Amino acid sequence: LSGDDAEVTDVSRSSRSRLRVTIRLAELT
């Protein structure tokens, strides 16, 4: 990841051609 502060919490493949990436952004202040 680049840009805003964030981290990846999950990666799952629904098919060979589709991928889901779940990202948690930094705590809002």
mmCIF file of all heavy atoms, coordinates in Angstrom:
data_MODEL
# 
_entry.id   MODEL 
# 
loop_
_atom_site.group_PDB 
_atom_site.id 
_atom_site.type_symbol 
_atom_site.label_atom_id 
_atom_site.label_alt_id 
_atom_site.label_comp_id 
_atom_site.label_asym_id 
_atom_site.label_entity_id 
_atom_site.label_seq_id 
_atom_site.pdbx_PDB_ins_code 
_atom_site.Cartn_x 
_atom_site.Cartn_y 
_atom_site.Cartn_z 
_atom_site.occupancy 
_atom_site.B_iso_or_equiv 
_atom_site.pdbx_formal_charge 
_atom_site.auth_seq_id 
_atom_site.auth_comp_id 
_atom_site.auth_asym_id 
_atom_site.auth_atom_id 
_atom_site.pdbx_PDB_model_num 
ATOM 1   N N   . LEU A 1 1  ? 0.836   -1.196  0.000   1.00 0.00 ? 1  LEU A N   1 
ATOM 2   C CA  . LEU A 1 1  ? 0.000   0.000   0.000   1.00 0.00 ? 1  LEU A CA  1 
ATOM 3   C C   . LEU A 1 1  ? 0.871   1.246   0.000   1.00 0.00 ? 1  LEU A C   1 
ATOM 4   O O   . LEU A 1 1  ? 1.917   1.286   0.652   1.00 0.00 ? 1  LEU A O   1 
ATOM 5   C CB  . LEU A 1 1  ? -0.921  0.027   1.220   1.00 0.00 ? 1  LEU A CB  1 
ATOM 6   C CG  . LEU A 1 1  ? -1.902  -1.136  1.387   1.00 0.00 ? 1  LEU A CG  1 
ATOM 7   C CD1 . LEU A 1 1  ? -2.731  -0.948  2.660   1.00 0.00 ? 1  LEU A CD1 1 
ATOM 8   C CD2 . LEU A 1 1  ? -2.808  -1.264  0.175   1.00 0.00 ? 1  LEU A CD2 1 
ATOM 9   N N   . SER A 1 2  ? 0.403   2.262   -0.693  1.00 0.00 ? 2  SER A N   1 
ATOM 10  C CA  . SER A 1 2  ? 1.064   3.569   -0.686  1.00 0.00 ? 2  SER A CA  1 
ATOM 11  C C   . SER A 1 2  ? -0.012  4.632   -0.503  1.00 0.00 ? 2  SER A C   1 
ATOM 12  O O   . SER A 1 2  ? -1.207  4.340   -0.515  1.00 0.00 ? 2  SER A O   1 
ATOM 13  C CB  . SER A 1 2  ? 1.842   3.790   -1.992  1.00 0.00 ? 2  SER A CB  1 
ATOM 14  O OG  . SER A 1 2  ? 0.965   3.722   -3.117  1.00 0.00 ? 2  SER A OG  1 
ATOM 15  N N   . GLY A 1 3  ? 0.422   5.873   -0.311  1.00 0.00 ? 3  GLY A N   1 
ATOM 16  C CA  . GLY A 1 3  ? -0.536  6.947   -0.083  1.00 0.00 ? 3  GLY A CA  1 
ATOM 17  C C   . GLY A 1 3  ? -0.872  7.088   1.380   1.00 0.00 ? 3  GLY A C   1 
ATOM 18  O O   . GLY A 1 3  ? 0.024   7.106   2.231   1.00 0.00 ? 3  GLY A O   1 
ATOM 19  N N   . ASP A 1 4  ? -2.171  7.164   1.696   1.00 0.00 ? 4  ASP A N   1 
ATOM 20  C CA  . ASP A 1 4  ? -2.605  7.335   3.081   1.00 0.00 ? 4  ASP A CA  1 
ATOM 21  C C   . ASP A 1 4  ? -2.245  6.125   3.939   1.00 0.00 ? 4  ASP A C   1 
ATOM 22  O O   . ASP A 1 4  ? -2.150  4.989   3.437   1.00 0.00 ? 4  ASP A O   1 
ATOM 23  C CB  . ASP A 1 4  ? -4.125  7.560   3.137   1.00 0.00 ? 4  ASP A CB  1 
ATOM 24  C CG  . ASP A 1 4  ? -4.524  8.904   2.555   1.00 0.00 ? 4  ASP A CG  1 
ATOM 25  O OD1 . ASP A 1 4  ? -3.625  9.707   2.273   1.00 0.00 ? 4  ASP A OD1 1 
ATOM 26  O OD2 . ASP A 1 4  ? -5.737  9.130   2.386   1.00 0.00 ? 4  ASP A OD2 1 
ATOM 27  N N   . ASP A 1 5  ? -2.064  6.380   5.221   1.00 0.00 ? 5  ASP A N   1 
ATOM 28  C CA  . ASP A 1 5  ? -1.704  5.328   6.168   1.00 0.00 ? 5  ASP A CA  1 
ATOM 29  C C   . ASP A 1 5  ? -2.841  4.318   6.270   1.00 0.00 ? 5  ASP A C   1 
ATOM 30  O O   . ASP A 1 5  ? -3.991  4.680   6.558   1.00 0.00 ? 5  ASP A O   1 
ATOM 31  C CB  . ASP A 1 5  ? -1.421  5.951   7.532   1.00 0.00 ? 5  ASP A CB  1 
ATOM 32  C CG  . ASP A 1 5  ? -0.834  4.948   8.503   1.00 0.00 ? 5  ASP A CG  1 
ATOM 33  O OD1 . ASP A 1 5  ? -0.366  3.888   8.050   1.00 0.00 ? 5  ASP A OD1 1 
ATOM 34  O OD2 . ASP A 1 5  ? -0.840  5.234   9.719   1.00 0.00 ? 5  ASP A OD2 1 
ATOM 35  N N   . ALA A 1 6  ? -2.535  3.049   6.047   1.00 0.00 ? 6  ALA A N   1 
ATOM 36  C CA  . ALA A 1 6  ? -3.549  1.993   6.073   1.00 0.00 ? 6  ALA A CA  1 
ATOM 37  C C   . ALA A 1 6  ? -2.857  0.651   6.179   1.00 0.00 ? 6  ALA A C   1 
ATOM 38  O O   . ALA A 1 6  ? -1.637  0.543   5.991   1.00 0.00 ? 6  ALA A O   1 
ATOM 39  C CB  . ALA A 1 6  ? -4.426  2.049   4.822   1.00 0.00 ? 6  ALA A CB  1 
ATOM 40  N N   . GLU A 1 7  ? -3.639  -0.386  6.479   1.00 0.00 ? 7  GLU A N   1 
ATOM 41  C CA  . GLU A 1 7  ? -3.084  -1.738  6.523   1.00 0.00 ? 7  GLU A CA  1 
ATOM 42  C C   . GLU A 1 7  ? -4.086  -2.727  5.949   1.00 0.00 ? 7  GLU A C   1 
ATOM 43  O O   . GLU A 1 7  ? -5.304  -2.527  6.031   1.00 0.00 ? 7  GLU A O   1 
ATOM 44  C CB  . GLU A 1 7  ? -2.708  -2.131  7.945   1.00 0.00 ? 7  GLU A CB  1 
ATOM 45  C CG  . GLU A 1 7  ? -3.872  -2.265  8.904   1.00 0.00 ? 7  GLU A CG  1 
ATOM 46  C CD  . GLU A 1 7  ? -3.438  -2.814  10.244  1.00 0.00 ? 7  GLU A CD  1 
ATOM 47  O OE1 . GLU A 1 7  ? -2.599  -3.720  10.259  1.00 0.00 ? 7  GLU A OE1 1 
ATOM 48  O OE2 . GLU A 1 7  ? -3.965  -2.337  11.269  1.00 0.00 ? 7  GLU A OE2 1 
ATOM 49  N N   . VAL A 1 8  ? -3.561  -3.797  5.363   1.00 0.00 ? 8  VAL A N   1 
ATOM 50  C CA  . VAL A 1 8  ? -4.395  -4.848  4.784   1.00 0.00 ? 8  VAL A CA  1 
ATOM 51  C C   . VAL A 1 8  ? -4.779  -5.831  5.881   1.00 0.00 ? 8  VAL A C   1 
ATOM 52  O O   . VAL A 1 8  ? -3.914  -6.307  6.631   1.00 0.00 ? 8  VAL A O   1 
ATOM 53  C CB  . VAL A 1 8  ? -3.648  -5.575  3.654   1.00 0.00 ? 8  VAL A CB  1 
ATOM 54  C CG1 . VAL A 1 8  ? -4.509  -6.696  3.083   1.00 0.00 ? 8  VAL A CG1 1 
ATOM 55  C CG2 . VAL A 1 8  ? -3.245  -4.594  2.571   1.00 0.00 ? 8  VAL A CG2 1 
ATOM 56  N N   . THR A 1 9  ? -6.070  -6.123  5.987   1.00 0.00 ? 9  THR A N   1 
ATOM 57  C CA  . THR A 1 9  ? -6.539  -7.048  7.020   1.00 0.00 ? 9  THR A CA  1 
ATOM 58  C C   . THR A 1 9  ? -7.028  -8.381  6.462   1.00 0.00 ? 9  THR A C   1 
ATOM 59  O O   . THR A 1 9  ? -7.137  -9.355  7.198   1.00 0.00 ? 9  THR A O   1 
ATOM 60  C CB  . THR A 1 9  ? -7.683  -6.408  7.828   1.00 0.00 ? 9  THR A CB  1 
ATOM 61  O OG1 . THR A 1 9  ? -8.772  -6.093  6.946   1.00 0.00 ? 9  THR A OG1 1 
ATOM 62  C CG2 . THR A 1 9  ? -7.211  -5.139  8.524   1.00 0.00 ? 9  THR A CG2 1 
ATOM 63  N N   . ASP A 1 10 ? -7.293  -8.425  5.128   1.00 0.00 ? 10 ASP A N   1 
ATOM 64  C CA  . ASP A 1 10 ? -7.779  -9.693  4.563   1.00 0.00 ? 10 ASP A CA  1 
ATOM 65  C C   . ASP A 1 10 ? -7.615  -9.674  3.043   1.00 0.00 ? 10 ASP A C   1 
ATOM 66  O O   . ASP A 1 10 ? -7.757  -8.620  2.401   1.00 0.00 ? 10 ASP A O   1 
ATOM 67  C CB  . ASP A 1 10 ? -9.250  -9.916  4.911   1.00 0.00 ? 10 ASP A CB  1 
ATOM 68  C CG  . ASP A 1 10 ? -9.755  -11.270 4.426   1.00 0.00 ? 10 ASP A CG  1 
ATOM 69  O OD1 . ASP A 1 10 ? -9.263  -12.297 4.940   1.00 0.00 ? 10 ASP A OD1 1 
ATOM 70  O OD2 . ASP A 1 10 ? -10.611 -11.298 3.526   1.00 0.00 ? 10 ASP A OD2 1 
ATOM 71  N N   . VAL A 1 11 ? -7.299  -10.847 2.476   1.00 0.00 ? 11 VAL A N   1 
ATOM 72  C CA  . VAL A 1 11 ? -7.235  -11.045 1.031   1.00 0.00 ? 11 VAL A CA  1 
ATOM 73  C C   . VAL A 1 11 ? -7.972  -12.338 0.707   1.00 0.00 ? 11 VAL A C   1 
ATOM 74  O O   . VAL A 1 11 ? -7.687  -13.380 1.308   1.00 0.00 ? 11 VAL A O   1 
ATOM 75  C CB  . VAL A 1 11 ? -5.771  -11.131 0.535   1.00 0.00 ? 11 VAL A CB  1 
ATOM 76  C CG1 . VAL A 1 11 ? -5.739  -11.488 -0.950  1.00 0.00 ? 11 VAL A CG1 1 
ATOM 77  C CG2 . VAL A 1 11 ? -5.041  -9.827  0.778   1.00 0.00 ? 11 VAL A CG2 1 
ATOM 78  N N   . SER A 1 12 ? -8.918  -12.265 -0.223  1.00 0.00 ? 12 SER A N   1 
ATOM 79  C CA  . SER A 1 12 ? -9.670  -13.467 -0.594  1.00 0.00 ? 12 SER A CA  1 
ATOM 80  C C   . SER A 1 12 ? -9.928  -13.472 -2.100  1.00 0.00 ? 12 SER A C   1 
ATOM 81  O O   . SER A 1 12 ? -10.239 -12.434 -2.692  1.00 0.00 ? 12 SER A O   1 
ATOM 82  C CB  . SER A 1 12 ? -10.993 -13.545 0.168   1.00 0.00 ? 12 SER A CB  1 
ATOM 83  O OG  . SER A 1 12 ? -11.816 -12.430 -0.138  1.00 0.00 ? 12 SER A OG  1 
ATOM 84  N N   . ARG A 1 13 ? -9.794  -14.641 -2.708  1.00 0.00 ? 13 ARG A N   1 
ATOM 85  C CA  . ARG A 1 13 ? -10.000 -14.792 -4.154  1.00 0.00 ? 13 ARG A CA  1 
ATOM 86  C C   . ARG A 1 13 ? -11.357 -15.448 -4.391  1.00 0.00 ? 13 ARG A C   1 
ATOM 87  O O   . ARG A 1 13 ? -11.592 -16.576 -3.964  1.00 0.00 ? 13 ARG A O   1 
ATOM 88  C CB  . ARG A 1 13 ? -8.878  -15.630 -4.759  1.00 0.00 ? 13 ARG A CB  1 
ATOM 89  C CG  . ARG A 1 13 ? -8.830  -15.576 -6.277  1.00 0.00 ? 13 ARG A CG  1 
ATOM 90  C CD  . ARG A 1 13 ? -7.714  -16.443 -6.837  1.00 0.00 ? 13 ARG A CD  1 
ATOM 91  N NE  . ARG A 1 13 ? -8.036  -17.873 -6.769  1.00 0.00 ? 13 ARG A NE  1 
ATOM 92  C CZ  . ARG A 1 13 ? -7.476  -18.800 -7.530  1.00 0.00 ? 13 ARG A CZ  1 
ATOM 93  N NH1 . ARG A 1 13 ? -6.531  -18.465 -8.400  1.00 0.00 ? 13 ARG A NH1 1 
ATOM 94  N NH2 . ARG A 1 13 ? -7.808  -20.072 -7.403  1.00 0.00 ? 13 ARG A NH2 1 
ATOM 95  N N   . SER A 1 14 ? -12.266 -14.733 -5.085  1.00 0.00 ? 14 SER A N   1 
ATOM 96  C CA  . SER A 1 14 ? -13.583 -15.293 -5.378  1.00 0.00 ? 14 SER A CA  1 
ATOM 97  C C   . SER A 1 14 ? -13.568 -16.117 -6.664  1.00 0.00 ? 14 SER A C   1 
ATOM 98  O O   . SER A 1 14 ? -14.437 -16.966 -6.875  1.00 0.00 ? 14 SER A O   1 
ATOM 99  C CB  . SER A 1 14 ? -14.629 -14.175 -5.485  1.00 0.00 ? 14 SER A CB  1 
ATOM 100 O OG  . SER A 1 14 ? -14.253 -13.214 -6.458  1.00 0.00 ? 14 SER A OG  1 
ATOM 101 N N   . SER A 1 15 ? -12.592 -15.838 -7.535  1.00 0.00 ? 15 SER A N   1 
ATOM 102 C CA  . SER A 1 15 ? -12.374 -16.632 -8.751  1.00 0.00 ? 15 SER A CA  1 
ATOM 103 C C   . SER A 1 15 ? -10.951 -16.343 -9.235  1.00 0.00 ? 15 SER A C   1 
ATOM 104 O O   . SER A 1 15 ? -10.243 -15.516 -8.655  1.00 0.00 ? 15 SER A O   1 
ATOM 105 C CB  . SER A 1 15 ? -13.394 -16.269 -9.833  1.00 0.00 ? 15 SER A CB  1 
ATOM 106 O OG  . SER A 1 15 ? -13.176 -14.956 -10.316 1.00 0.00 ? 15 SER A OG  1 
ATOM 107 N N   . ARG A 1 16 ? -10.546 -17.012 -10.310 1.00 0.00 ? 16 ARG A N   1 
ATOM 108 C CA  . ARG A 1 16 ? -9.197  -16.777 -10.834 1.00 0.00 ? 16 ARG A CA  1 
ATOM 109 C C   . ARG A 1 16 ? -9.004  -15.316 -11.222 1.00 0.00 ? 16 ARG A C   1 
ATOM 110 O O   . ARG A 1 16 ? -7.898  -14.772 -11.114 1.00 0.00 ? 16 ARG A O   1 
ATOM 111 C CB  . ARG A 1 16 ? -8.958  -17.667 -12.063 1.00 0.00 ? 16 ARG A CB  1 
ATOM 112 C CG  . ARG A 1 16 ? -8.615  -19.113 -11.736 1.00 0.00 ? 16 ARG A CG  1 
ATOM 113 C CD  . ARG A 1 16 ? -8.637  -19.957 -13.009 1.00 0.00 ? 16 ARG A CD  1 
ATOM 114 N NE  . ARG A 1 16 ? -7.834  -19.405 -14.095 1.00 0.00 ? 16 ARG A NE  1 
ATOM 115 C CZ  . ARG A 1 16 ? -6.560  -19.732 -14.345 1.00 0.00 ? 16 ARG A CZ  1 
ATOM 116 N NH1 . ARG A 1 16 ? -5.942  -20.585 -13.550 1.00 0.00 ? 16 ARG A NH1 1 
ATOM 117 N NH2 . ARG A 1 16 ? -5.928  -19.207 -15.372 1.00 0.00 ? 16 ARG A NH2 1 
ATOM 118 N N   . SER A 1 17 ? -10.077 -14.662 -11.639 1.00 0.00 ? 17 SER A N   1 
ATOM 119 C CA  . SER A 1 17 ? -9.947  -13.308 -12.179 1.00 0.00 ? 17 SER A CA  1 
ATOM 120 C C   . SER A 1 17 ? -10.407 -12.216 -11.217 1.00 0.00 ? 17 SER A C   1 
ATOM 121 O O   . SER A 1 17 ? -10.328 -11.037 -11.553 1.00 0.00 ? 17 SER A O   1 
ATOM 122 C CB  . SER A 1 17 ? -10.746 -13.188 -13.488 1.00 0.00 ? 17 SER A CB  1 
ATOM 123 O OG  . SER A 1 17 ? -12.130 -13.418 -13.248 1.00 0.00 ? 17 SER A OG  1 
ATOM 124 N N   . ARG A 1 18 ? -10.919 -12.585 -10.015 1.00 0.00 ? 18 ARG A N   1 
ATOM 125 C CA  . ARG A 1 18 ? -11.421 -11.570 -9.079  1.00 0.00 ? 18 ARG A CA  1 
ATOM 126 C C   . ARG A 1 18 ? -10.805 -11.777 -7.696  1.00 0.00 ? 18 ARG A C   1 
ATOM 127 O O   . ARG A 1 18 ? -10.766 -12.897 -7.173  1.00 0.00 ? 18 ARG A O   1 
ATOM 128 C CB  . ARG A 1 18 ? -12.947 -11.601 -8.974  1.00 0.00 ? 18 ARG A CB  1 
ATOM 129 C CG  . ARG A 1 18 ? -13.627 -11.117 -10.246 1.00 0.00 ? 18 ARG A CG  1 
ATOM 130 C CD  . ARG A 1 18 ? -15.144 -11.094 -10.112 1.00 0.00 ? 18 ARG A CD  1 
ATOM 131 N NE  . ARG A 1 18 ? -15.604 -10.064 -9.187  1.00 0.00 ? 18 ARG A NE  1 
ATOM 132 C CZ  . ARG A 1 18 ? -15.763 -8.789  -9.525  1.00 0.00 ? 18 ARG A CZ  1 
ATOM 133 N NH1 . ARG A 1 18 ? -15.479 -8.372  -10.749 1.00 0.00 ? 18 ARG A NH1 1 
ATOM 134 N NH2 . ARG A 1 18 ? -16.222 -7.922  -8.631  1.00 0.00 ? 18 ARG A NH2 1 
ATOM 135 N N   . LEU A 1 19 ? -10.352 -10.648 -7.135  1.00 0.00 ? 19 LEU A N   1 
ATOM 136 C CA  . LEU A 1 19 ? -9.703  -10.681 -5.827  1.00 0.00 ? 19 LEU A CA  1 
ATOM 137 C C   . LEU A 1 19 ? -10.279 -9.560  -4.968  1.00 0.00 ? 19 LEU A C   1 
ATOM 138 O O   . LEU A 1 19 ? -10.480 -8.431  -5.443  1.00 0.00 ? 19 LEU A O   1 
ATOM 139 C CB  . LEU A 1 19 ? -8.190  -10.482 -5.985  1.00 0.00 ? 19 LEU A CB  1 
ATOM 140 C CG  . LEU A 1 19 ? -7.347  -10.644 -4.710  1.00 0.00 ? 19 LEU A CG  1 
ATOM 141 C CD1 . LEU A 1 19 ? -7.218  -12.131 -4.366  1.00 0.00 ? 19 LEU A CD1 1 
ATOM 142 C CD2 . LEU A 1 19 ? -5.963  -10.015 -4.910  1.00 0.00 ? 19 LEU A CD2 1 
ATOM 143 N N   . ARG A 1 20 ? -10.540 -9.868  -3.700  1.00 0.00 ? 20 ARG A N   1 
ATOM 144 C CA  . ARG A 1 20 ? -11.013 -8.860  -2.750  1.00 0.00 ? 20 ARG A CA  1 
ATOM 145 C C   . ARG A 1 20 ? -9.933  -8.585  -1.704  1.00 0.00 ? 20 ARG A C   1 
ATOM 146 O O   . ARG A 1 20 ? -9.395  -9.508  -1.096  1.00 0.00 ? 20 ARG A O   1 
ATOM 147 C CB  . ARG A 1 20 ? -12.293 -9.325  -2.054  1.00 0.00 ? 20 ARG A CB  1 
ATOM 148 C CG  . ARG A 1 20 ? -13.534 -9.230  -2.937  1.00 0.00 ? 20 ARG A CG  1 
ATOM 149 C CD  . ARG A 1 20 ? -14.779 -9.602  -2.162  1.00 0.00 ? 20 ARG A CD  1 
ATOM 150 N NE  . ARG A 1 20 ? -15.987 -9.397  -2.953  1.00 0.00 ? 20 ARG A NE  1 
ATOM 151 C CZ  . ARG A 1 20 ? -17.212 -9.681  -2.532  1.00 0.00 ? 20 ARG A CZ  1 
ATOM 152 N NH1 . ARG A 1 20 ? -17.379 -10.181 -1.310  1.00 0.00 ? 20 ARG A NH1 1 
ATOM 153 N NH2 . ARG A 1 20 ? -18.248 -9.467  -3.324  1.00 0.00 ? 20 ARG A NH2 1 
ATOM 154 N N   . VAL A 1 21 ? -9.656  -7.310  -1.516  1.00 0.00 ? 21 VAL A N   1 
ATOM 155 C CA  . VAL A 1 21 ? -8.664  -6.877  -0.533  1.00 0.00 ? 21 VAL A CA  1 
ATOM 156 C C   . VAL A 1 21 ? -9.370  -5.970  0.478   1.00 0.00 ? 21 VAL A C   1 
ATOM 157 O O   . VAL A 1 21 ? -9.965  -4.954  0.092   1.00 0.00 ? 21 VAL A O   1 
ATOM 158 C CB  . VAL A 1 21 ? -7.502  -6.118  -1.201  1.00 0.00 ? 21 VAL A CB  1 
ATOM 159 C CG1 . VAL A 1 21 ? -6.496  -5.669  -0.150  1.00 0.00 ? 21 VAL A CG1 1 
ATOM 160 C CG2 . VAL A 1 21 ? -6.837  -6.980  -2.259  1.00 0.00 ? 21 VAL A CG2 1 
ATOM 161 N N   . THR A 1 22 ? -9.321  -6.330  1.752   1.00 0.00 ? 22 THR A N   1 
ATOM 162 C CA  . THR A 1 22 ? -9.929  -5.511  2.804   1.00 0.00 ? 22 THR A CA  1 
ATOM 163 C C   . THR A 1 22 ? -8.842  -4.700  3.486   1.00 0.00 ? 22 THR A C   1 
ATOM 164 O O   . THR A 1 22 ? -7.813  -5.239  3.904   1.00 0.00 ? 22 THR A O   1 
ATOM 165 C CB  . THR A 1 22 ? -10.658 -6.384  3.841   1.00 0.00 ? 22 THR A CB  1 
ATOM 166 O OG1 . THR A 1 22 ? -11.650 -7.177  3.162   1.00 0.00 ? 22 THR A OG1 1 
ATOM 167 C CG2 . THR A 1 22 ? -11.351 -5.514  4.881   1.00 0.00 ? 22 THR A CG2 1 
ATOM 168 N N   . ILE A 1 23 ? -9.091  -3.390  3.599   1.00 0.00 ? 23 ILE A N   1 
ATOM 169 C CA  . ILE A 1 23 ? -8.088  -2.452  4.108   1.00 0.00 ? 23 ILE A CA  1 
ATOM 170 C C   . ILE A 1 23 ? -8.686  -1.671  5.273   1.00 0.00 ? 23 ILE A C   1 
ATOM 171 O O   . ILE A 1 23 ? -9.843  -1.242  5.218   1.00 0.00 ? 23 ILE A O   1 
ATOM 172 C CB  . ILE A 1 23 ? -7.648  -1.477  2.995   1.00 0.00 ? 23 ILE A CB  1 
ATOM 173 C CG1 . ILE A 1 23 ? -7.005  -2.259  1.842   1.00 0.00 ? 23 ILE A CG1 1 
ATOM 174 C CG2 . ILE A 1 23 ? -6.700  -0.416  3.534   1.00 0.00 ? 23 ILE A CG2 1 
ATOM 175 C CD1 . ILE A 1 23 ? -6.779  -1.418  0.607   1.00 0.00 ? 23 ILE A CD1 1 
ATOM 176 N N   . ARG A 1 24 ? -7.903  -1.495  6.337   1.00 0.00 ? 24 ARG A N   1 
ATOM 177 C CA  . ARG A 1 24 ? -8.303  -0.658  7.462   1.00 0.00 ? 24 ARG A CA  1 
ATOM 178 C C   . ARG A 1 24 ? -7.486  0.631   7.431   1.00 0.00 ? 24 ARG A C   1 
ATOM 179 O O   . ARG A 1 24 ? -6.258  0.596   7.516   1.00 0.00 ? 24 ARG A O   1 
ATOM 180 C CB  . ARG A 1 24 ? -8.123  -1.381  8.786   1.00 0.00 ? 24 ARG A CB  1 
ATOM 181 C CG  . ARG A 1 24 ? -8.598  -0.552  9.994   1.00 0.00 ? 24 ARG A CG  1 
ATOM 182 C CD  . ARG A 1 24 ? -8.658  -1.373  11.261  1.00 0.00 ? 24 ARG A CD  1 
ATOM 183 N NE  . ARG A 1 24 ? -7.346  -1.854  11.653  1.00 0.00 ? 24 ARG A NE  1 
ATOM 184 C CZ  . ARG A 1 24 ? -7.092  -3.086  12.082  1.00 0.00 ? 24 ARG A CZ  1 
ATOM 185 N NH1 . ARG A 1 24 ? -8.061  -3.968  12.175  1.00 0.00 ? 24 ARG A NH1 1 
ATOM 186 N NH2 . ARG A 1 24 ? -5.870  -3.443  12.446  1.00 0.00 ? 24 ARG A NH2 1 
ATOM 187 N N   . LEU A 1 25 ? -8.185  1.766   7.323   1.00 0.00 ? 25 LEU A N   1 
ATOM 188 C CA  . LEU A 1 25 ? -7.498  3.052   7.339   1.00 0.00 ? 25 LEU A CA  1 
ATOM 189 C C   . LEU A 1 25 ? -7.075  3.411   8.756   1.00 0.00 ? 25 LEU A C   1 
ATOM 190 O O   . LEU A 1 25 ? -7.592  2.863   9.732   1.00 0.00 ? 25 LEU A O   1 
ATOM 191 C CB  . LEU A 1 25 ? -8.409  4.141   6.771   1.00 0.00 ? 25 LEU A CB  1 
ATOM 192 C CG  . LEU A 1 25 ? -8.944  3.917   5.346   1.00 0.00 ? 25 LEU A CG  1 
ATOM 193 C CD1 . LEU A 1 25 ? -9.725  5.145   4.883   1.00 0.00 ? 25 LEU A CD1 1 
ATOM 194 C CD2 . LEU A 1 25 ? -7.809  3.613   4.379   1.00 0.00 ? 25 LEU A CD2 1 
ATOM 195 N N   . ALA A 1 26 ? -6.161  4.344   8.870   1.00 0.00 ? 26 ALA A N   1 
ATOM 196 C CA  . ALA A 1 26 ? -5.668  4.767   10.180  1.00 0.00 ? 26 ALA A CA  1 
ATOM 197 C C   . ALA A 1 26 ? -6.794  5.419   10.981  1.00 0.00 ? 26 ALA A C   1 
ATOM 198 O O   . ALA A 1 26 ? -7.758  5.969   10.433  1.00 0.00 ? 26 ALA A O   1 
ATOM 199 C CB  . ALA A 1 26 ? -4.501  5.735   10.016  1.00 0.00 ? 26 ALA A CB  1 
ATOM 200 N N   . GLU A 1 27 ? -6.660  5.357   12.296  1.00 0.00 ? 27 GLU A N   1 
ATOM 201 C CA  . GLU A 1 27 ? -7.646  5.949   13.196  1.00 0.00 ? 27 GLU A CA  1 
ATOM 202 C C   . GLU A 1 27 ? -7.796  7.444   12.915  1.00 0.00 ? 27 GLU A C   1 
ATOM 203 O O   . GLU A 1 27 ? -6.815  8.175   12.777  1.00 0.00 ? 27 GLU A O   1 
ATOM 204 C CB  . GLU A 1 27 ? -7.198  5.723   14.640  1.00 0.00 ? 27 GLU A CB  1 
ATOM 205 C CG  . GLU A 1 27 ? -8.110  6.328   15.686  1.00 0.00 ? 27 GLU A CG  1 
ATOM 206 C CD  . GLU A 1 27 ? -7.598  6.064   17.086  1.00 0.00 ? 27 GLU A CD  1 
ATOM 207 O OE1 . GLU A 1 27 ? -7.211  4.905   17.359  1.00 0.00 ? 27 GLU A OE1 1 
ATOM 208 O OE2 . GLU A 1 27 ? -7.557  7.009   17.899  1.00 0.00 ? 27 GLU A OE2 1 
ATOM 209 N N   . LEU A 1 28 ? -9.049  7.898   12.825  1.00 0.00 ? 28 LEU A N   1 
ATOM 210 C CA  . LEU A 1 28 ? -9.304  9.307   12.557  1.00 0.00 ? 28 LEU A CA  1 
ATOM 211 C C   . LEU A 1 28 ? -8.982  10.145  13.780  1.00 0.00 ? 28 LEU A C   1 
ATOM 212 O O   . LEU A 1 28 ? -9.297  9.769   14.907  1.00 0.00 ? 28 LEU A O   1 
ATOM 213 C CB  . LEU A 1 28 ? -10.775 9.513   12.165  1.00 0.00 ? 28 LEU A CB  1 
ATOM 214 C CG  . LEU A 1 28 ? -11.268 8.748   10.933  1.00 0.00 ? 28 LEU A CG  1 
ATOM 215 C CD1 . LEU A 1 28 ? -12.746 9.042   10.692  1.00 0.00 ? 28 LEU A CD1 1 
ATOM 216 C CD2 . LEU A 1 28 ? -10.452 9.111   9.706   1.00 0.00 ? 28 LEU A CD2 1 
ATOM 217 N N   . THR A 1 29 ? -8.362  11.271  13.569  1.00 0.00 ? 29 THR A N   1 
ATOM 218 C CA  . THR A 1 29 ? -8.032  12.187  14.656  1.00 0.00 ? 29 THR A CA  1 
ATOM 219 C C   . THR A 1 29 ? -8.508  13.584  14.300  1.00 0.00 ? 29 THR A C   1 
ATOM 220 O O   . THR A 1 29 ? -8.900  13.860  13.160  1.00 0.00 ? 29 THR A O   1 
ATOM 221 C CB  . THR A 1 29 ? -6.506  12.230  14.909  1.00 0.00 ? 29 THR A CB  1 
ATOM 222 O OG1 . THR A 1 29 ? -5.864  12.827  13.771  1.00 0.00 ? 29 THR A OG1 1 
ATOM 223 C CG2 . THR A 1 29 ? -5.957  10.825  15.128  1.00 0.00 ? 29 THR A CG2 1 
# 
